[in-house]
Amino acid sequence: MKTCSRCGQIKELDGFSKRSSRPSGVQSKCKDCEREVRRQYYKTHEYARRKFKLTEDQYNDLMKNENCQICNVELTKKCIDHCHSTNKVRGVLCNNCNTALGLVGDNVSTLQAMIEYLSTNTH
């Protein structure tokens, strides 16, 4: 039995994630509390700010975008687009455009070949 450092409930050890470096062999927070902490962290803009090393002002400026910077559709889910090699933010895209860029690996040659293909094979 162990007391969770966050919620204060006493729980069986299998209610805690293992951690060999701790004297008890488990985390100090129970699995439920760990899950809630992670959910809150990823839900907030803090995650994006830290991941991309943005200031509060930079983040707020990005979030002002109401439309995707590629297809101009109204944004229901804002995806922060970034270069995977430099981690530099490029803009805010809709989920479809962000996924499309990711699927082609941000490869400009592939994108140009796709444009050519569509241009010559339109019915």
PDB file of N, CA and C in Angstrom:
ATOM      1  N   MET A   1       0.847  -1.175   0.000  1.00  0.00           N
ATOM      2  CA  MET A   1       0.000   0.000   0.000  1.00  0.00           C
ATOM      3  C   MET A   1       0.896   1.244   0.000  1.00  0.00           C
ATOM      4  N   LYS A   2       0.400   2.281  -0.669  1.00  0.00           N
ATOM      5  CA  LYS A   2       1.154   3.523  -0.758  1.00  0.00           C
ATOM      6  C   LYS A   2       0.167   4.680  -0.904  1.00  0.00           C
ATOM      7  N   THR A   3       0.564   5.844  -0.382  1.00  0.00           N
ATOM      8  CA  THR A   3      -0.249   7.049  -0.476  1.00  0.00           C
ATOM      9  C   THR A   3       0.216   7.878  -1.668  1.00  0.00           C
ATOM     10  N   CYS A   4      -0.724   8.265  -2.510  1.00  0.00           N
ATOM     11  CA  CYS A   4      -0.409   9.099  -3.668  1.00  0.00           C
ATOM     12  C   CYS A   4      -0.055  10.500  -3.185  1.00  0.00           C
ATOM     13  N   SER A   5       1.036  11.041  -3.721  1.00  0.00           N
ATOM     14  CA  SER A   5       1.489  12.381  -3.325  1.00  0.00           C
ATOM     15  C   SER A   5       0.586  13.480  -3.864  1.00  0.00           C
ATOM     16  N   ARG A   6      -0.257  13.167  -4.833  1.00  0.00           N
ATOM     17  CA  ARG A   6      -1.124  14.190  -5.425  1.00  0.00           C
ATOM     18  C   ARG A   6      -2.535  14.163  -4.850  1.00  0.00           C
ATOM     19  N   CYS A   7      -3.175  13.004  -4.889  1.00  0.00           N
ATOM     20  CA  CYS A   7      -4.576  12.928  -4.441  1.00  0.00           C
ATOM     21  C   CYS A   7      -4.708  12.503  -2.981  1.00  0.00           C
ATOM     22  N   GLY A   8      -3.627  11.967  -2.403  1.00  0.00           N
ATOM     23  CA  GLY A   8      -3.643  11.581  -0.990  1.00  0.00           C
ATOM     24  C   GLY A   8      -4.323  10.247  -0.698  1.00  0.00           C
ATOM     25  N   GLN A   9      -4.795   9.560  -1.730  1.00  0.00           N
ATOM     26  CA  GLN A   9      -5.464   8.273  -1.521  1.00  0.00           C
ATOM     27  C   GLN A   9      -4.436   7.170  -1.304  1.00  0.00           C
ATOM     28  N   ILE A  10      -4.808   6.228  -0.462  1.00  0.00           N
ATOM     29  CA  ILE A  10      -3.961   5.061  -0.221  1.00  0.00           C
ATOM     30  C   ILE A  10      -4.388   3.987  -1.209  1.00  0.00           C
ATOM     31  N   LYS A  11      -3.424   3.493  -1.984  1.00  0.00           N
ATOM     32  CA  LYS A  11      -3.728   2.513  -3.031  1.00  0.00           C
ATOM     33  C   LYS A  11      -2.719   1.382  -3.005  1.00  0.00           C
ATOM     34  N   GLU A  12      -3.117   0.274  -3.641  1.00  0.00           N
ATOM     35  CA  GLU A  12      -2.205  -0.868  -3.808  1.00  0.00           C
ATOM     36  C   GLU A  12      -1.039  -0.421  -4.693  1.00  0.00           C
ATOM     37  N   LEU A  13       0.107  -1.082  -4.566  1.00  0.00           N
ATOM     38  CA  LEU A  13       1.284  -0.703  -5.352  1.00  0.00           C
ATOM     39  C   LEU A  13       1.056  -0.838  -6.855  1.00  0.00           C
ATOM     40  N   ASP A  14       0.178  -1.748  -7.275  1.00  0.00           N
ATOM     41  CA  ASP A  14      -0.068  -1.873  -8.714  1.00  0.00           C
ATOM     42  C   ASP A  14      -0.873  -0.694  -9.269  1.00  0.00           C
ATOM     43  N   GLY A  15      -1.301   0.227  -8.417  1.00  0.00           N
ATOM     44  CA  GLY A  15      -1.965   1.455  -8.837  1.00  0.00           C
ATOM     45  C   GLY A  15      -0.968   2.562  -9.140  1.00  0.00           C
ATOM     46  N   PHE A  16       0.326   2.238  -9.047  1.00  0.00           N
ATOM     47  CA  PHE A  16       1.410   3.191  -9.298  1.00  0.00           C
ATOM     48  C   PHE A  16       2.322   2.628 -10.390  1.00  0.00           C
ATOM     49  N   SER A  17       2.867   3.480 -11.223  1.00  0.00           N
ATOM     50  CA  SER A  17       3.827   3.044 -12.240  1.00  0.00           C
ATOM     51  C   SER A  17       5.142   2.692 -11.571  1.00  0.00           C
ATOM     52  N   LYS A  18       5.827   1.704 -12.144  1.00  0.00           N
ATOM     53  CA  LYS A  18       7.105   1.265 -11.583  1.00  0.00           C
ATOM     54  C   LYS A  18       8.181   2.307 -11.822  1.00  0.00           C
ATOM     55  N   ARG A  19       9.062   2.422 -10.850  1.00  0.00           N
ATOM     56  CA  ARG A  19      10.222   3.310 -10.980  1.00  0.00           C
ATOM     57  C   ARG A  19      11.303   2.793 -10.051  1.00  0.00           C
ATOM     58  N   SER A  20      12.266   2.124 -10.621  1.00  0.00           N
ATOM     59  CA  SER A  20      13.276   1.424  -9.823  1.00  0.00           C
ATOM     60  C   SER A  20      14.154   2.359  -8.994  1.00  0.00           C
ATOM     61  N   SER A  21      14.268   3.612  -9.401  1.00  0.00           N
ATOM     62  CA  SER A  21      15.127   4.541  -8.667  1.00  0.00           C
ATOM     63  C   SER A  21      14.478   5.033  -7.367  1.00  0.00           C
ATOM     64  N   ARG A  22      13.184   4.799  -7.194  1.00  0.00           N
ATOM     65  CA  ARG A  22      12.479   5.228  -5.970  1.00  0.00           C
ATOM     66  C   ARG A  22      12.629   4.152  -4.902  1.00  0.00           C
ATOM     67  N   PRO A  23      12.727   4.546  -3.631  1.00  0.00           N
ATOM     68  CA  PRO A  23      12.859   3.562  -2.552  1.00  0.00           C
ATOM     69  C   PRO A  23      11.723   2.526  -2.542  1.00  0.00           C
ATOM     70  N   SER A  24      10.507   2.965  -2.883  1.00  0.00           N
ATOM     71  CA  SER A  24       9.366   2.051  -2.880  1.00  0.00           C
ATOM     72  C   SER A  24       9.282   1.237  -4.173  1.00  0.00           C
ATOM     73  N   GLY A  25      10.061   1.636  -5.193  1.00  0.00           N
ATOM     74  CA  GLY A  25      10.033   0.953  -6.480  1.00  0.00           C
ATOM     75  C   GLY A  25       8.931   1.433  -7.411  1.00  0.00           C
ATOM     76  N   VAL A  26       8.154   2.440  -6.970  1.00  0.00           N
ATOM     77  CA  VAL A  26       7.063   2.977  -7.786  1.00  0.00           C
ATOM     78  C   VAL A  26       7.081   4.496  -7.742  1.00  0.00           C
ATOM     79  N   GLN A  27       6.346   5.122  -8.673  1.00  0.00           N
ATOM     80  CA  GLN A  27       6.222   6.577  -8.726  1.00  0.00           C
ATOM     81  C   GLN A  27       5.547   7.103  -7.460  1.00  0.00           C
ATOM     82  N   SER A  28       5.676   8.390  -7.209  1.00  0.00           N
ATOM     83  CA  SER A  28       5.027   8.975  -6.034  1.00  0.00           C
ATOM     84  C   SER A  28       3.557   9.286  -6.290  1.00  0.00           C
ATOM     85  N   LYS A  29       3.196   9.538  -7.579  1.00  0.00           N
ATOM     86  CA  LYS A  29       1.792   9.785  -7.941  1.00  0.00           C
ATOM     87  C   LYS A  29       1.187   8.485  -8.467  1.00  0.00           C
ATOM     88  N   CYS A  30      -0.084   8.266  -8.165  1.00  0.00           N
ATOM     89  CA  CYS A  30      -0.774   7.077  -8.672  1.00  0.00           C
ATOM     90  C   CYS A  30      -0.972   7.206 -10.185  1.00  0.00           C
ATOM     91  N   LYS A  31      -1.282   6.093 -10.848  1.00  0.00           N
ATOM     92  CA  LYS A  31      -1.467   6.089 -12.303  1.00  0.00           C
ATOM     93  C   LYS A  31      -2.582   7.033 -12.730  1.00  0.00           C
ATOM     94  N   ASP A  32      -3.667   7.083 -11.954  1.00  0.00           N
ATOM     95  CA  ASP A  32      -4.775   7.976 -12.293  1.00  0.00           C
ATOM     96  C   ASP A  32      -4.332   9.434 -12.282  1.00  0.00           C
ATOM     97  N   CYS A  33      -3.577   9.826 -11.259  1.00  0.00           N
ATOM     98  CA  CYS A  33      -3.103  11.213 -11.158  1.00  0.00           C
ATOM     99  C   CYS A  33      -2.080  11.516 -12.243  1.00  0.00           C
ATOM    100  N   GLU A  34      -1.191  10.574 -12.529  1.00  0.00           N
ATOM    101  CA  GLU A  34      -0.217  10.774 -13.604  1.00  0.00           C
ATOM    102  C   GLU A  34      -0.933  11.011 -14.927  1.00  0.00           C
ATOM    103  N   ARG A  35      -1.957  10.224 -15.208  1.00  0.00           N
ATOM    104  CA  ARG A  35      -2.734  10.358 -16.439  1.00  0.00           C
ATOM    105  C   ARG A  35      -3.385  11.739 -16.514  1.00  0.00           C
ATOM    106  N   GLU A  36      -3.949  12.193 -15.393  1.00  0.00           N
ATOM    107  CA  GLU A  36      -4.610  13.503 -15.366  1.00  0.00           C
ATOM    108  C   GLU A  36      -3.603  14.635 -15.565  1.00  0.00           C
ATOM    109  N   VAL A  37      -2.438  14.527 -14.949  1.00  0.00           N
ATOM    110  CA  VAL A  37      -1.392  15.546 -15.111  1.00  0.00           C
ATOM    111  C   VAL A  37      -0.967  15.616 -16.572  1.00  0.00           C
ATOM    112  N   ARG A  38      -0.754  14.441 -17.203  1.00  0.00           N
ATOM    113  CA  ARG A  38      -0.374  14.416 -18.621  1.00  0.00           C
ATOM    114  C   ARG A  38      -1.474  15.002 -19.491  1.00  0.00           C
ATOM    115  N   ARG A  39      -2.718  14.647 -19.216  1.00  0.00           N
ATOM    116  CA  ARG A  39      -3.845  15.149 -20.011  1.00  0.00           C
ATOM    117  C   ARG A  39      -3.908  16.669 -19.941  1.00  0.00           C
ATOM    118  N   GLN A  40      -3.765  17.213 -18.750  1.00  0.00           N
ATOM    119  CA  GLN A  40      -3.823  18.664 -18.592  1.00  0.00           C
ATOM    120  C   GLN A  40      -2.647  19.346 -19.278  1.00  0.00           C
ATOM    121  N   TYR A  41      -1.468  18.740 -19.184  1.00  0.00           N
ATOM    122  CA  TYR A  41      -0.275  19.323 -19.791  1.00  0.00           C
ATOM    123  C   TYR A  41      -0.421  19.382 -21.313  1.00  0.00           C
ATOM    124  N   TYR A  42      -0.816  18.272 -21.925  1.00  0.00           N
ATOM    125  CA  TYR A  42      -0.920  18.232 -23.376  1.00  0.00           C
ATOM    126  C   TYR A  42      -2.106  19.032 -23.893  1.00  0.00           C
ATOM    127  N   LYS A  43      -3.117  19.237 -23.060  1.00  0.00           N
ATOM    128  CA  LYS A  43      -4.290  19.991 -23.470  1.00  0.00           C
ATOM    129  C   LYS A  43      -3.968  21.481 -23.565  1.00  0.00           C
ATOM    130  N   THR A  44      -3.067  21.945 -22.760  1.00  0.00           N
ATOM    131  CA  THR A  44      -2.779  23.374 -22.701  1.00  0.00           C
ATOM    132  C   THR A  44      -1.799  23.801 -23.791  1.00  0.00           C
ATOM    133  N   HIS A  45      -1.741  25.084 -23.993  1.00  0.00           N
ATOM    134  CA  HIS A  45      -0.799  25.618 -24.971  1.00  0.00           C
ATOM    135  C   HIS A  45       0.634  25.548 -24.471  1.00  0.00           C
ATOM    136  N   GLU A  46       0.820  25.279 -23.190  1.00  0.00           N
ATOM    137  CA  GLU A  46       2.186  25.195 -22.648  1.00  0.00           C
ATOM    138  C   GLU A  46       3.002  24.133 -23.366  1.00  0.00           C
ATOM    139  N   TYR A  47       2.354  23.023 -23.711  1.00  0.00           N
ATOM    140  CA  TYR A  47       3.070  21.956 -24.408  1.00  0.00           C
ATOM    141  C   TYR A  47       3.636  22.479 -25.723  1.00  0.00           C
ATOM    142  N   ALA A  48       2.795  23.130 -26.517  1.00  0.00           N
ATOM    143  CA  ALA A  48       3.241  23.661 -27.812  1.00  0.00           C
ATOM    144  C   ALA A  48       4.308  24.734 -27.618  1.00  0.00           C
ATOM    145  N   ARG A  49       4.112  25.584 -26.652  1.00  0.00           N
ATOM    146  CA  ARG A  49       5.095  26.647 -26.415  1.00  0.00           C
ATOM    147  C   ARG A  49       6.455  26.059 -26.074  1.00  0.00           C
ATOM    148  N   ARG A  50       6.472  25.058 -25.213  1.00  0.00           N
ATOM    149  CA  ARG A  50       7.749  24.446 -24.824  1.00  0.00           C
ATOM    150  C   ARG A  50       8.373  23.666 -25.967  1.00  0.00           C
ATOM    151  N   LYS A  51       7.545  22.894 -26.670  1.00  0.00           N
ATOM    152  CA  LYS A  51       8.060  22.072 -27.765  1.00  0.00           C
ATOM    153  C   LYS A  51       8.744  22.920 -28.826  1.00  0.00           C
ATOM    154  N   PHE A  52       8.145  24.051 -29.163  1.00  0.00           N
ATOM    155  CA  PHE A  52       8.669  24.895 -30.239  1.00  0.00           C
ATOM    156  C   PHE A  52       9.422  26.116 -29.720  1.00  0.00           C
ATOM    157  N   LYS A  53       9.623  26.201 -28.418  1.00  0.00           N
ATOM    158  CA  LYS A  53      10.370  27.295 -27.789  1.00  0.00           C
ATOM    159  C   LYS A  53       9.813  28.658 -28.195  1.00  0.00           C
ATOM    160  N   LEU A  54       8.484  28.796 -28.066  1.00  0.00           N
ATOM    161  CA  LEU A  54       7.810  30.038 -28.422  1.00  0.00           C
ATOM    162  C   LEU A  54       7.555  30.883 -27.188  1.00  0.00           C
ATOM    163  N   THR A  55       7.630  32.198 -27.358  1.00  0.00           N
ATOM    164  CA  THR A  55       7.214  33.084 -26.278  1.00  0.00           C
ATOM    165  C   THR A  55       5.685  33.103 -26.255  1.00  0.00           C
ATOM    166  N   GLU A  56       5.125  33.630 -25.199  1.00  0.00           N
ATOM    167  CA  GLU A  56       3.669  33.757 -25.092  1.00  0.00           C
ATOM    168  C   GLU A  56       3.130  34.591 -26.260  1.00  0.00           C
ATOM    169  N   ASP A  57       3.825  35.690 -26.588  1.00  0.00           N
ATOM    170  CA  ASP A  57       3.393  36.554 -27.700  1.00  0.00           C
ATOM    171  C   ASP A  57       3.456  35.831 -29.044  1.00  0.00           C
ATOM    172  N   GLN A  58       4.531  35.074 -29.287  1.00  0.00           N
ATOM    173  CA  GLN A  58       4.657  34.327 -30.537  1.00  0.00           C
ATOM    174  C   GLN A  58       3.526  33.307 -30.667  1.00  0.00           C
ATOM    175  N   TYR A  59       3.251  32.616 -29.574  1.00  0.00           N
ATOM    176  CA  TYR A  59       2.178  31.624 -29.588  1.00  0.00           C
ATOM    177  C   TYR A  59       0.833  32.295 -29.862  1.00  0.00           C
ATOM    178  N   ASN A  60       0.567  33.389 -29.165  1.00  0.00           N
ATOM    179  CA  ASN A  60      -0.702  34.101 -29.343  1.00  0.00           C
ATOM    180  C   ASN A  60      -0.869  34.614 -30.764  1.00  0.00           C
ATOM    181  N   ASP A  61       0.223  35.104 -31.369  1.00  0.00           N
ATOM    182  CA  ASP A  61       0.168  35.570 -32.760  1.00  0.00           C
ATOM    183  C   ASP A  61      -0.195  34.425 -33.705  1.00  0.00           C
ATOM    184  N   LEU A  62       0.396  33.243 -33.488  1.00  0.00           N
ATOM    185  CA  LEU A  62       0.071  32.080 -34.308  1.00  0.00           C
ATOM    186  C   LEU A  62      -1.400  31.709 -34.184  1.00  0.00           C
ATOM    187  N   MET A  63      -1.903  31.725 -32.957  1.00  0.00           N
ATOM    188  CA  MET A  63      -3.267  31.286 -32.698  1.00  0.00           C
ATOM    189  C   MET A  63      -4.318  32.277 -33.190  1.00  0.00           C
ATOM    190  N   LYS A  64      -3.883  33.474 -33.598  1.00  0.00           N
ATOM    191  CA  LYS A  64      -4.820  34.448 -34.170  1.00  0.00           C
ATOM    192  C   LYS A  64      -5.303  34.012 -35.542  1.00  0.00           C
ATOM    193  N   ASN A  65      -4.536  33.123 -36.191  1.00  0.00           N
ATOM    194  CA  ASN A  65      -4.923  32.643 -37.521  1.00  0.00           C
ATOM    195  C   ASN A  65      -6.254  31.916 -37.431  1.00  0.00           C
ATOM    196  N   GLU A  66      -7.209  32.344 -38.245  1.00  0.00           N
ATOM    197  CA  GLU A  66      -8.538  31.726 -38.274  1.00  0.00           C
ATOM    198  C   GLU A  66      -8.655  30.724 -39.412  1.00  0.00           C
ATOM    199  N   ASN A  67      -7.740  30.832 -40.394  1.00  0.00           N
ATOM    200  CA  ASN A  67      -7.809  29.968 -41.570  1.00  0.00           C
ATOM    201  C   ASN A  67      -6.461  29.302 -41.805  1.00  0.00           C
ATOM    202  N   CYS A  68      -6.510  28.138 -42.446  1.00  0.00           N
ATOM    203  CA  CYS A  68      -5.298  27.398 -42.801  1.00  0.00           C
ATOM    204  C   CYS A  68      -4.468  28.248 -43.756  1.00  0.00           C
ATOM    205  N   GLN A  69      -3.160  28.262 -43.545  1.00  0.00           N
ATOM    206  CA  GLN A  69      -2.276  29.075 -44.369  1.00  0.00           C
ATOM    207  C   GLN A  69      -1.994  28.450 -45.740  1.00  0.00           C
ATOM    208  N   ILE A  70      -2.496  27.235 -45.975  1.00  0.00           N
ATOM    209  CA  ILE A  70      -2.345  26.613 -47.293  1.00  0.00           C
ATOM    210  C   ILE A  70      -3.661  26.628 -48.053  1.00  0.00           C
ATOM    211  N   CYS A  71      -4.703  26.028 -47.479  1.00  0.00           N
ATOM    212  CA  CYS A  71      -5.968  25.878 -48.231  1.00  0.00           C
ATOM    213  C   CYS A  71      -7.027  26.911 -47.849  1.00  0.00           C
ATOM    214  N   ASN A  72      -6.754  27.708 -46.847  1.00  0.00           N
ATOM    215  CA  ASN A  72      -7.619  28.802 -46.416  1.00  0.00           C
ATOM    216  C   ASN A  72      -8.947  28.362 -45.778  1.00  0.00           C
ATOM    217  N   VAL A  73      -9.088  27.070 -45.465  1.00  0.00           N
ATOM    218  CA  VAL A  73     -10.297  26.595 -44.796  1.00  0.00           C
ATOM    219  C   VAL A  73     -10.306  27.124 -43.358  1.00  0.00           C
ATOM    220  N   GLU A  74     -11.502  27.336 -42.817  1.00  0.00           N
ATOM    221  CA  GLU A  74     -11.607  27.799 -41.431  1.00  0.00           C
ATOM    222  C   GLU A  74     -11.065  26.704 -40.501  1.00  0.00           C
ATOM    223  N   LEU A  75     -10.228  27.106 -39.578  1.00  0.00           N
ATOM    224  CA  LEU A  75      -9.578  26.147 -38.683  1.00  0.00           C
ATOM    225  C   LEU A  75     -10.493  25.738 -37.533  1.00  0.00           C
ATOM    226  N   THR A  76     -10.781  24.442 -37.466  1.00  0.00           N
ATOM    227  CA  THR A  76     -11.501  23.911 -36.312  1.00  0.00           C
ATOM    228  C   THR A  76     -10.503  23.292 -35.333  1.00  0.00           C
ATOM    229  N   LYS A  77      -9.417  22.760 -35.878  1.00  0.00           N
ATOM    230  CA  LYS A  77      -8.305  22.240 -35.078  1.00  0.00           C
ATOM    231  C   LYS A  77      -7.048  22.885 -35.634  1.00  0.00           C
ATOM    232  N   LYS A  78      -6.352  23.620 -34.802  1.00  0.00           N
ATOM    233  CA  LYS A  78      -5.161  24.329 -35.258  1.00  0.00           C
ATOM    234  C   LYS A  78      -3.925  23.458 -35.057  1.00  0.00           C
ATOM    235  N   CYS A  79      -3.227  23.183 -36.161  1.00  0.00           N
ATOM    236  CA  CYS A  79      -1.996  22.396 -36.123  1.00  0.00           C
ATOM    237  C   CYS A  79      -0.818  23.329 -36.357  1.00  0.00           C
ATOM    238  N   ILE A  80       0.108  23.332 -35.437  1.00  0.00           N
ATOM    239  CA  ILE A  80       1.306  24.144 -35.618  1.00  0.00           C
ATOM    240  C   ILE A  80       2.255  23.371 -36.527  1.00  0.00           C
ATOM    241  N   ASP A  81       2.494  23.920 -37.718  1.00  0.00           N
ATOM    242  CA  ASP A  81       3.379  23.289 -38.689  1.00  0.00           C
ATOM    243  C   ASP A  81       4.808  23.729 -38.399  1.00  0.00           C
ATOM    244  N   HIS A  82       5.729  22.769 -38.485  1.00  0.00           N
ATOM    245  CA  HIS A  82       7.130  23.087 -38.221  1.00  0.00           C
ATOM    246  C   HIS A  82       8.039  22.230 -39.079  1.00  0.00           C
ATOM    247  N   CYS A  83       9.245  22.717 -39.279  1.00  0.00           N
ATOM    248  CA  CYS A  83      10.271  21.982 -40.004  1.00  0.00           C
ATOM    249  C   CYS A  83      10.827  20.918 -39.047  1.00  0.00           C
ATOM    250  N   HIS A  84      10.816  19.671 -39.483  1.00  0.00           N
ATOM    251  CA  HIS A  84      11.258  18.591 -38.599  1.00  0.00           C
ATOM    252  C   HIS A  84      12.768  18.571 -38.388  1.00  0.00           C
ATOM    253  N   SER A  85      13.522  19.143 -39.295  1.00  0.00           N
ATOM    254  CA  SER A  85      14.976  19.138 -39.102  1.00  0.00           C
ATOM    255  C   SER A  85      15.441  20.289 -38.213  1.00  0.00           C
ATOM    256  N   THR A  86      14.754  21.437 -38.258  1.00  0.00           N
ATOM    257  CA  THR A  86      15.173  22.584 -37.440  1.00  0.00           C
ATOM    258  C   THR A  86      14.249  22.851 -36.264  1.00  0.00           C
ATOM    259  N   ASN A  87      13.050  22.259 -36.300  1.00  0.00           N
ATOM    260  CA  ASN A  87      11.997  22.476 -35.287  1.00  0.00           C
ATOM    261  C   ASN A  87      11.461  23.906 -35.305  1.00  0.00           C
ATOM    262  N   LYS A  88      11.751  24.662 -36.362  1.00  0.00           N
ATOM    263  CA  LYS A  88      11.252  26.036 -36.494  1.00  0.00           C
ATOM    264  C   LYS A  88       9.805  26.016 -36.971  1.00  0.00           C
ATOM    265  N   VAL A  89       8.996  26.851 -36.358  1.00  0.00           N
ATOM    266  CA  VAL A  89       7.582  26.944 -36.700  1.00  0.00           C
ATOM    267  C   VAL A  89       7.427  27.676 -38.032  1.00  0.00           C
ATOM    268  N   ARG A  90       6.569  27.118 -38.911  1.00  0.00           N
ATOM    269  CA  ARG A  90       6.296  27.741 -40.203  1.00  0.00           C
ATOM    270  C   ARG A  90       4.943  28.431 -40.225  1.00  0.00           C
ATOM    271  N   GLY A  91       3.986  27.911 -39.483  1.00  0.00           N
ATOM    272  CA  GLY A  91       2.659  28.511 -39.490  1.00  0.00           C
ATOM    273  C   GLY A  91       1.630  27.600 -38.857  1.00  0.00           C
ATOM    274  N   VAL A  92       0.353  27.953 -39.066  1.00  0.00           N
ATOM    275  CA  VAL A  92      -0.758  27.180 -38.530  1.00  0.00           C
ATOM    276  C   VAL A  92      -1.577  26.648 -39.703  1.00  0.00           C
ATOM    277  N   LEU A  93      -1.791  25.331 -39.687  1.00  0.00           N
ATOM    278  CA  LEU A  93      -2.483  24.659 -40.778  1.00  0.00           C
ATOM    279  C   LEU A  93      -3.680  23.875 -40.270  1.00  0.00           C
ATOM    280  N   CYS A  94      -4.554  23.502 -41.203  1.00  0.00           N
ATOM    281  CA  CYS A  94      -5.635  22.571 -40.860  1.00  0.00           C
ATOM    282  C   CYS A  94      -5.008  21.177 -40.739  1.00  0.00           C
ATOM    283  N   ASN A  95      -5.741  20.269 -40.152  1.00  0.00           N
ATOM    284  CA  ASN A  95      -5.238  18.914 -39.946  1.00  0.00           C
ATOM    285  C   ASN A  95      -4.895  18.234 -41.275  1.00  0.00           C
ATOM    286  N   ASN A  96      -5.725  18.424 -42.307  1.00  0.00           N
ATOM    287  CA  ASN A  96      -5.474  17.775 -43.601  1.00  0.00           C
ATOM    288  C   ASN A  96      -4.175  18.250 -44.243  1.00  0.00           C
ATOM    289  N   CYS A  97      -3.967  19.557 -44.282  1.00  0.00           N
ATOM    290  CA  CYS A  97      -2.746  20.094 -44.901  1.00  0.00           C
ATOM    291  C   CYS A  97      -1.507  19.698 -44.096  1.00  0.00           C
ATOM    292  N   ASN A  98      -1.614  19.740 -42.782  1.00  0.00           N
ATOM    293  CA  ASN A  98      -0.486  19.358 -41.935  1.00  0.00           C
ATOM    294  C   ASN A  98      -0.140  17.884 -42.149  1.00  0.00           C
ATOM    295  N   THR A  99      -1.158  17.036 -42.234  1.00  0.00           N
ATOM    296  CA  THR A  99      -0.937  15.607 -42.460  1.00  0.00           C
ATOM    297  C   THR A  99      -0.330  15.366 -43.834  1.00  0.00           C
ATOM    298  N   ALA A 100      -0.836  16.071 -44.848  1.00  0.00           N
ATOM    299  CA  ALA A 100      -0.317  15.908 -46.209  1.00  0.00           C
ATOM    300  C   ALA A 100       1.176  16.241 -46.273  1.00  0.00           C
ATOM    301  N   LEU A 101       1.561  17.342 -45.663  1.00  0.00           N
ATOM    302  CA  LEU A 101       2.991  17.702 -45.653  1.00  0.00           C
ATOM    303  C   LEU A 101       3.813  16.630 -44.954  1.00  0.00           C
ATOM    304  N   GLY A 102       3.295  16.129 -43.865  1.00  0.00           N
ATOM    305  CA  GLY A 102       4.004  15.076 -43.130  1.00  0.00           C
ATOM    306  C   GLY A 102       4.135  13.803 -43.933  1.00  0.00           C
ATOM    307  N   LEU A 103       3.082  13.441 -44.668  1.00  0.00           N
ATOM    308  CA  LEU A 103       3.111  12.202 -45.453  1.00  0.00           C
ATOM    309  C   LEU A 103       4.124  12.248 -46.583  1.00  0.00           C
ATOM    310  N   VAL A 104       4.375  13.434 -47.149  1.00  0.00           N
ATOM    311  CA  VAL A 104       5.391  13.542 -48.206  1.00  0.00           C
ATOM    312  C   VAL A 104       6.753  13.935 -47.635  1.00  0.00           C
ATOM    313  N   GLY A 105       6.847  13.989 -46.326  1.00  0.00           N
ATOM    314  CA  GLY A 105       8.125  14.293 -45.683  1.00  0.00           C
ATOM    315  C   GLY A 105       8.629  15.689 -45.959  1.00  0.00           C
ATOM    316  N   ASP A 106       7.710  16.636 -46.175  1.00  0.00           N
ATOM    317  CA  ASP A 106       8.073  18.030 -46.475  1.00  0.00           C
ATOM    318  C   ASP A 106       8.972  18.132 -47.712  1.00  0.00           C
ATOM    319  N   ASN A 107       8.883  17.155 -48.599  1.00  0.00           N
ATOM    320  CA  ASN A 107       9.746  17.100 -49.768  1.00  0.00           C
ATOM    321  C   ASN A 107       9.148  17.929 -50.899  1.00  0.00           C
ATOM    322  N   VAL A 108       9.809  19.031 -51.239  1.00  0.00           N
ATOM    323  CA  VAL A 108       9.331  19.953 -52.273  1.00  0.00           C
ATOM    324  C   VAL A 108       9.264  19.260 -53.635  1.00  0.00           C
ATOM    325  N   SER A 109      10.236  18.415 -53.958  1.00  0.00           N
ATOM    326  CA  SER A 109      10.233  17.701 -55.242  1.00  0.00           C
ATOM    327  C   SER A 109       9.013  16.799 -55.359  1.00  0.00           C
ATOM    328  N   THR A 110       8.687  16.113 -54.290  1.00  0.00           N
ATOM    329  CA  THR A 110       7.507  15.242 -54.290  1.00  0.00           C
ATOM    330  C   THR A 110       6.245  16.063 -54.477  1.00  0.00           C
ATOM    331  N   LEU A 111       6.158  17.184 -53.785  1.00  0.00           N
ATOM    332  CA  LEU A 111       4.985  18.050 -53.923  1.00  0.00           C
ATOM    333  C   LEU A 111       4.860  18.588 -55.346  1.00  0.00           C
ATOM    334  N   GLN A 112       5.992  18.975 -55.953  1.00  0.00           N
ATOM    335  CA  GLN A 112       5.960  19.469 -57.340  1.00  0.00           C
ATOM    336  C   GLN A 112       5.537  18.357 -58.295  1.00  0.00           C
ATOM    337  N   ALA A 113       6.026  17.147 -58.048  1.00  0.00           N
ATOM    338  CA  ALA A 113       5.644  16.012 -58.893  1.00  0.00           C
ATOM    339  C   ALA A 113       4.148  15.720 -58.744  1.00  0.00           C
ATOM    340  N   MET A 114       3.620  15.898 -57.553  1.00  0.00           N
ATOM    341  CA  MET A 114       2.185  15.690 -57.326  1.00  0.00           C
ATOM    342  C   MET A 114       1.365  16.737 -58.083  1.00  0.00           C
ATOM    343  N   ILE A 115       1.844  17.987 -58.092  1.00  0.00           N
ATOM    344  CA  ILE A 115       1.162  19.058 -58.821  1.00  0.00           C
ATOM    345  C   ILE A 115       1.163  18.755 -60.321  1.00  0.00           C
ATOM    346  N   GLU A 116       2.315  18.341 -60.836  1.00  0.00           N
ATOM    347  CA  GLU A 116       2.418  17.982 -62.254  1.00  0.00           C
ATOM    348  C   GLU A 116       1.472  16.842 -62.594  1.00  0.00           C
ATOM    349  N   TYR A 117       1.457  15.837 -61.748  1.00  0.00           N
ATOM    350  CA  TYR A 117       0.591  14.677 -61.954  1.00  0.00           C
ATOM    351  C   TYR A 117      -0.873  15.104 -62.024  1.00  0.00           C
ATOM    352  N   LEU A 118      -1.292  15.915 -61.059  1.00  0.00           N
ATOM    353  CA  LEU A 118      -2.683  16.380 -61.053  1.00  0.00           C
ATOM    354  C   LEU A 118      -2.992  17.246 -62.267  1.00  0.00           C
ATOM    355  N   SER A 119      -2.043  18.089 -62.651  1.00  0.00           N
ATOM    356  CA  SER A 119      -2.240  18.979 -63.797  1.00  0.00           C
ATOM    357  C   SER A 119      -2.415  18.203 -65.095  1.00  0.00           C
ATOM    358  N   THR A 120      -1.690  17.133 -65.259  1.00  0.00           N
ATOM    359  CA  THR A 120      -1.737  16.367 -66.519  1.00  0.00           C
ATOM    360  C   THR A 120      -2.761  15.248 -66.485  1.00  0.00           C
ATOM    361  N   ASN A 121      -3.303  14.952 -65.336  1.00  0.00           N
ATOM    362  CA  ASN A 121      -4.262  13.845 -65.243  1.00  0.00           C
ATOM    363  C   ASN A 121      -5.617  14.272 -64.702  1.00  0.00           C
ATOM    364  N   THR A 122      -5.999  15.501 -65.033  1.00  0.00           N
ATOM    365  CA  THR A 122      -7.305  16.002 -64.615  1.00  0.00           C
ATOM    366  C   THR A 122      -8.324  15.636 -65.681  1.00  0.00           C
ATOM    367  N   HIS A 123      -9.454  15.112 -65.260  1.00  0.00           N
ATOM    368  CA  HIS A 123     -10.500  14.705 -66.219  1.00  0.00           C
ATOM    369  C   HIS A 123     -11.615  15.696 -66.233  1.00  0.00           C
TER     370      HIS A 123
END
